[in-house]
Amino acid sequence: MEHYRTWRLCQIIGPPTAWADMPAVELDWLLAVDDAVAEARANVERRESERG
């Protein structure tokens, strides 16, 4: 699971050197928010495709 977390952080923020000094709580928050944003975008796209 730690490797997946690292991979996701690299996708969101960049290389580990960019976020190595950030608190774990902040990194976890960024991961949680990113998942919520992705889910919201998917919901919007699904509703738009159902309309048209």
Protein backbone atom coordinates (compact mmCIF):
# COMPACT_ATOMS: atom_id res chain seq x y z
CA MET A 1 0.00 0.00 0.00
CA GLU A 2 2.89 2.36 0.71
CA HIS A 3 4.13 2.02 -2.87
CA TYR A 4 0.69 2.95 -4.19
CA ARG A 5 0.58 5.99 -1.88
CA THR A 6 4.00 7.10 -3.13
CA TRP A 7 2.94 6.62 -6.75
CA ARG A 8 -0.24 8.68 -6.22
CA LEU A 9 1.66 11.48 -4.49
CA CYS A 10 4.11 11.58 -7.39
CA GLN A 11 1.18 11.93 -9.78
CA ILE A 12 -0.43 14.72 -7.76
CA ILE A 13 2.56 16.70 -6.50
CA GLY A 14 5.63 15.54 -8.34
CA PRO A 15 8.82 13.73 -7.33
CA PRO A 16 9.35 12.81 -3.68
CA THR A 17 11.79 15.68 -3.26
CA ALA A 18 8.85 18.05 -3.81
CA TRP A 19 6.87 16.66 -0.88
CA ALA A 20 9.45 14.96 1.36
CA ASP A 21 9.24 17.69 4.01
CA MET A 22 5.44 17.95 4.05
CA PRO A 23 3.58 16.53 7.08
CA ALA A 24 1.97 13.11 6.52
CA VAL A 25 -1.41 14.52 7.53
CA GLU A 26 -1.24 17.10 4.73
CA LEU A 27 -0.19 14.46 2.21
CA ASP A 28 -3.07 12.21 3.27
CA TRP A 29 -5.45 15.16 2.92
CA LEU A 30 -4.19 15.82 -0.61
CA LEU A 31 -4.76 12.18 -1.52
CA ALA A 32 -8.28 12.22 -0.09
CA VAL A 33 -9.20 15.47 -1.85
CA ASP A 34 -7.81 14.25 -5.16
CA ASP A 35 -9.98 11.14 -5.00
CA ALA A 36 -13.06 13.24 -4.17
CA VAL A 37 -12.36 15.63 -7.06
CA ALA A 38 -11.91 12.75 -9.48
CA GLU A 39 -15.18 11.20 -8.33
CA ALA A 40 -17.03 14.52 -8.70
CA ARG A 41 -15.66 14.99 -12.23
CA ALA A 42 -16.71 11.47 -13.18
CA ASN A 43 -20.22 12.14 -11.86
CA VAL A 44 -20.51 15.34 -13.91
CA GLU A 45 -19.28 13.60 -17.05
CA ARG A 46 -21.71 10.71 -16.51
CA ARG A 47 -24.68 13.07 -16.07
CA GLU A 48 -23.70 15.03 -19.18
CA SER A 49 -23.43 11.87 -21.26
CA GLU A 50 -26.84 10.69 -20.01
CA ARG A 51 -28.42 13.99 -21.12
CA GLY A 52 -27.03 14.17 -24.59
